[in-house]
Amino acid sequence: MQLLYRNFDGLDVAFKGCFPHDVLEALTHAKTRAQKYRDDVLVELGPKRIPVHVAETGMRGGYAFRFDTGPFGATWAVADCLDPERWNLRASVHSLALAQFGYEGAKKQLLDLLTDFGAFGHGDDLPTERVSRFDFCIDVAMPNFQPNQEHIVCHSRMTRKVYRAMESAAVARGGRVESVMIGKMPGRQLVIYDKTREIVAHQKPYW
């Protein structure tokens, strides 16, 4: 076993606050264009004119807009609301940003972007933050490793799922156990899986 990486690789943060009217208006126009062309639209938001890609759809939970600041940034969900007492903003940090900057660096990046976008909370302060989810990963090089669920100790009330290779690939892949999942979301969850296979499937060569 060789330890390769140990850090956060997922972070979702909600913010109580809102974007100013001009930014919401720009998002509205960009979303309309994105729906017209059926593709993300590049626009510049806020006083600092930060380039983002606005999607043609929002996100569940009452978020009218969704935009991305790039692989070293995050995906943002924004409600079309000017009430700073509501949780109108949500950011999901990309794994590459966490690998590059770590938790503290990624969090600082989010707070800096809120300022650049002109976001405000109660009394014109920065929006209040609340971490809604985080993923911590430990990557280990283990050739020919196959998880054995019988070696995992957990509470009897915890759910446990085992995923095997597809039957059509059983000859080539031997029907081997690919991952074991303990617990479920929302809540605490532990997953042991073949990350190399996941990297290939989701085209993330930077890992």
Protein backbone atom coordinates (compact mmCIF):
# COMPACT_ATOMS: atom_id res chain seq x y z
CA MET A 1 0.00 0.00 0.00
CA GLN A 2 1.30 3.42 -1.01
CA LEU A 3 -0.48 6.56 0.22
CA LEU A 4 -0.95 8.96 -2.71
CA TYR A 5 -3.37 11.61 -1.46
CA ARG A 6 -5.23 12.48 1.72
CA ASN A 7 -7.44 15.55 1.75
CA PHE A 8 -10.88 16.92 0.93
CA ASP A 9 -12.21 16.23 -2.55
CA GLY A 10 -15.76 17.52 -2.17
CA LEU A 11 -17.17 20.64 -0.49
CA ASP A 12 -20.66 22.18 -0.67
CA VAL A 13 -21.29 25.51 1.06
CA ALA A 14 -24.56 27.45 1.36
CA PHE A 15 -24.62 31.20 1.95
CA LYS A 16 -27.31 33.35 3.54
CA GLY A 17 -27.27 36.44 1.35
CA CYS A 18 -27.83 37.46 -2.25
CA PHE A 19 -26.30 38.86 -5.40
CA PRO A 20 -27.07 42.47 -6.38
CA HIS A 21 -29.81 43.24 -8.90
CA ASP A 22 -27.45 43.83 -11.83
CA VAL A 23 -25.82 40.41 -11.38
CA LEU A 24 -29.21 38.67 -11.21
CA GLU A 25 -30.25 40.56 -14.33
CA ALA A 26 -27.09 39.46 -16.15
CA LEU A 27 -27.75 35.86 -15.10
CA THR A 28 -31.32 36.10 -16.40
CA HIS A 29 -30.15 37.28 -19.84
CA ALA A 30 -27.37 34.66 -19.95
CA LYS A 31 -29.78 31.85 -19.02
CA THR A 32 -32.14 32.93 -21.81
CA ARG A 33 -29.28 32.82 -24.31
CA ALA A 34 -28.14 29.44 -22.99
CA GLN A 35 -31.65 28.05 -23.46
CA LYS A 36 -31.74 29.45 -26.98
CA TYR A 37 -28.42 27.88 -27.99
CA ARG A 38 -28.84 24.82 -25.72
CA ASP A 39 -25.36 25.27 -24.36
CA ASP A 40 -23.54 27.11 -21.58
CA VAL A 41 -22.94 30.81 -22.21
CA LEU A 42 -19.80 32.72 -21.22
CA VAL A 43 -20.49 36.02 -19.41
CA GLU A 44 -18.68 38.34 -17.00
CA LEU A 45 -20.29 39.02 -13.64
CA GLY A 46 -19.88 41.64 -10.95
CA PRO A 47 -17.70 44.73 -10.60
CA LYS A 48 -14.57 42.62 -11.19
CA ARG A 49 -16.11 41.10 -14.35
CA ILE A 50 -15.42 37.51 -13.38
CA PRO A 51 -15.83 35.14 -16.38
CA VAL A 52 -18.31 32.30 -15.76
CA HIS A 53 -20.25 29.78 -17.84
CA VAL A 54 -24.01 30.08 -17.23
CA ALA A 55 -26.12 26.95 -17.76
CA GLU A 56 -29.55 26.76 -19.39
CA THR A 57 -31.12 25.33 -16.22
CA GLY A 58 -30.99 26.12 -12.54
CA MET A 59 -30.82 23.62 -9.70
CA ARG A 60 -33.27 21.88 -7.42
CA GLY A 61 -34.02 23.68 -4.19
CA GLY A 62 -35.34 26.90 -5.70
CA TYR A 63 -32.15 27.97 -7.47
CA ALA A 64 -33.05 29.71 -10.74
CA PHE A 65 -29.48 30.02 -12.03
CA ARG A 66 -26.42 27.80 -12.25
CA PHE A 67 -22.96 28.79 -13.42
CA ASP A 68 -19.42 27.43 -13.30
CA THR A 69 -16.13 29.23 -12.64
CA GLY A 70 -13.95 26.51 -14.19
CA PRO A 71 -12.17 23.31 -13.13
CA PHE A 72 -10.15 25.16 -10.45
CA GLY A 73 -13.32 26.79 -9.12
CA ALA A 74 -16.85 25.70 -8.29
CA THR A 75 -20.37 25.27 -9.58
CA TRP A 76 -22.65 27.97 -8.16
CA ALA A 77 -26.42 27.83 -7.72
CA VAL A 78 -28.25 31.14 -7.24
CA ALA A 79 -31.85 31.95 -6.33
CA ASP A 80 -33.55 34.83 -8.11
CA CYS A 81 -34.09 36.71 -4.86
CA LEU A 82 -32.89 39.96 -3.28
CA ASP A 83 -33.69 39.02 0.34
CA PRO A 84 -30.34 38.77 2.21
CA GLU A 85 -32.02 36.82 5.03
CA ARG A 86 -32.53 33.76 2.81
CA TRP A 87 -30.06 31.03 1.80
CA ASN A 88 -29.95 32.16 -1.83
CA LEU A 89 -26.44 31.03 -2.76
CA ARG A 90 -24.78 27.63 -2.92
CA ALA A 91 -21.33 26.60 -4.14
CA SER A 92 -20.03 23.13 -4.89
CA VAL A 93 -16.22 23.18 -5.08
CA HIS A 94 -14.62 21.02 -7.76
CA SER A 95 -12.29 18.23 -6.65
CA LEU A 96 -9.41 19.68 -8.71
CA ALA A 97 -9.66 22.98 -6.81
CA LEU A 98 -9.49 21.13 -3.49
CA ALA A 99 -6.52 19.08 -4.68
CA GLN A 100 -4.73 22.24 -5.79
CA PHE A 101 -5.57 24.67 -2.97
CA GLY A 102 -6.73 22.48 -0.06
CA TYR A 103 -9.74 23.23 2.13
CA GLU A 104 -8.56 26.62 3.42
CA GLY A 105 -7.50 27.82 -0.03
CA ALA A 106 -10.74 26.71 -1.67
CA LYS A 107 -12.81 28.35 1.06
CA LYS A 108 -10.88 31.62 0.68
CA GLN A 109 -11.51 31.48 -3.05
CA LEU A 110 -15.27 31.24 -2.44
CA LEU A 111 -15.26 34.20 -0.06
CA ASP A 112 -13.16 36.28 -2.46
CA LEU A 113 -15.58 35.50 -5.29
CA LEU A 114 -18.54 36.62 -3.18
CA THR A 115 -16.83 40.00 -2.83
CA ASP A 116 -15.98 40.11 -6.53
CA PHE A 117 -19.61 39.35 -7.44
CA GLY A 118 -20.84 42.06 -5.08
CA ALA A 119 -22.77 39.63 -2.88
CA PHE A 120 -24.06 40.90 0.44
CA GLY A 121 -25.76 39.57 3.55
CA HIS A 122 -27.50 41.18 6.50
CA GLY A 123 -26.46 44.80 6.97
CA ASP A 124 -24.31 44.73 3.81
CA ASP A 125 -21.92 42.26 5.44
CA LEU A 126 -20.64 39.25 3.54
CA PRO A 127 -23.18 36.40 3.36
CA THR A 128 -23.20 33.96 6.27
CA GLU A 129 -21.73 30.57 5.38
CA ARG A 130 -22.86 27.05 6.26
CA VAL A 131 -21.05 23.90 5.13
CA SER A 132 -23.74 21.50 3.93
CA ARG A 133 -21.52 18.64 2.79
CA PHE A 134 -17.87 17.65 2.63
CA ASP A 135 -16.08 14.58 1.26
CA PHE A 136 -12.71 13.46 2.59
CA CYS A 137 -10.75 10.97 0.51
CA ILE A 138 -7.74 8.75 1.04
CA ASP A 139 -6.17 7.48 -2.19
CA VAL A 140 -3.95 4.43 -1.91
CA ALA A 141 -2.10 2.51 -4.64
CA MET A 142 -3.03 -1.15 -4.10
CA PRO A 143 -2.53 -3.38 -7.17
CA ASN A 144 -5.12 -6.14 -7.56
CA PHE A 145 -7.05 -4.95 -4.50
CA GLN A 146 -10.65 -6.10 -4.15
CA PRO A 147 -12.76 -4.89 -1.20
CA ASN A 148 -14.17 -7.58 1.09
CA GLN A 149 -17.33 -6.46 2.83
CA GLU A 150 -16.89 -9.14 5.50
CA HIS A 151 -13.83 -7.24 6.76
CA ILE A 152 -15.77 -4.03 7.38
CA VAL A 153 -17.13 -3.46 10.88
CA CYS A 154 -20.08 -1.09 11.21
CA HIS A 155 -23.24 -0.64 13.24
CA SER A 156 -25.96 -3.20 12.55
CA ARG A 157 -28.39 -0.45 11.55
CA MET A 158 -26.07 0.94 8.87
CA THR A 159 -27.02 0.14 5.28
CA ARG A 160 -24.47 -1.72 3.20
CA LYS A 161 -24.38 -2.03 -0.60
CA VAL A 162 -21.99 -4.03 -2.76
CA TYR A 163 -21.57 -3.28 -6.47
CA ARG A 164 -20.12 -5.88 -8.81
CA ALA A 165 -18.94 -5.70 -12.40
CA MET A 166 -21.63 -5.90 -15.06
CA GLU A 167 -22.55 -9.46 -16.02
CA SER A 168 -21.66 -8.73 -19.65
CA ALA A 169 -18.11 -7.93 -18.56
CA ALA A 170 -17.79 -10.77 -16.05
CA VAL A 171 -15.37 -12.72 -18.24
CA ALA A 172 -13.06 -9.76 -18.87
CA ARG A 173 -13.32 -8.36 -15.36
CA GLY A 174 -13.99 -11.56 -13.48
CA GLY A 175 -17.20 -10.34 -11.84
CA ARG A 176 -15.05 -8.73 -9.15
CA VAL A 177 -16.44 -6.50 -6.43
CA GLU A 178 -15.88 -2.92 -7.58
CA SER A 179 -17.06 -0.95 -4.56
CA VAL A 180 -18.58 -1.20 -1.11
CA MET A 181 -20.84 1.53 0.28
CA ILE A 182 -21.65 1.92 3.98
CA GLY A 183 -24.36 4.40 5.02
CA LYS A 184 -26.26 6.73 2.72
CA MET A 185 -26.71 10.39 1.90
CA PRO A 186 -27.74 12.68 3.40
CA GLY A 187 -25.73 11.64 6.41
CA ARG A 188 -22.48 9.80 6.93
CA GLN A 189 -21.28 7.55 4.17
CA LEU A 190 -18.14 5.51 3.54
CA VAL A 191 -17.29 4.28 0.04
CA ILE A 192 -14.40 2.02 -0.95
CA TYR A 193 -13.99 1.89 -4.71
CA ASP A 194 -11.59 1.57 -7.65
CA LYS A 195 -10.70 5.21 -8.31
CA THR A 196 -8.59 4.41 -11.37
CA ARG A 197 -11.66 3.00 -13.09
CA GLU A 198 -13.69 6.03 -12.00
CA ILE A 199 -11.02 8.41 -13.38
CA VAL A 200 -11.14 6.71 -16.78
CA ALA A 201 -14.96 6.61 -16.85
CA HIS A 202 -15.34 10.32 -15.99
CA GLN A 203 -12.29 11.50 -17.98
CA LYS A 204 -10.35 13.07 -15.09
CA PRO A 205 -6.74 12.42 -16.15
CA TYR A 206 -5.40 15.13 -13.80
CA TRP A 207 -5.83 12.70 -10.88
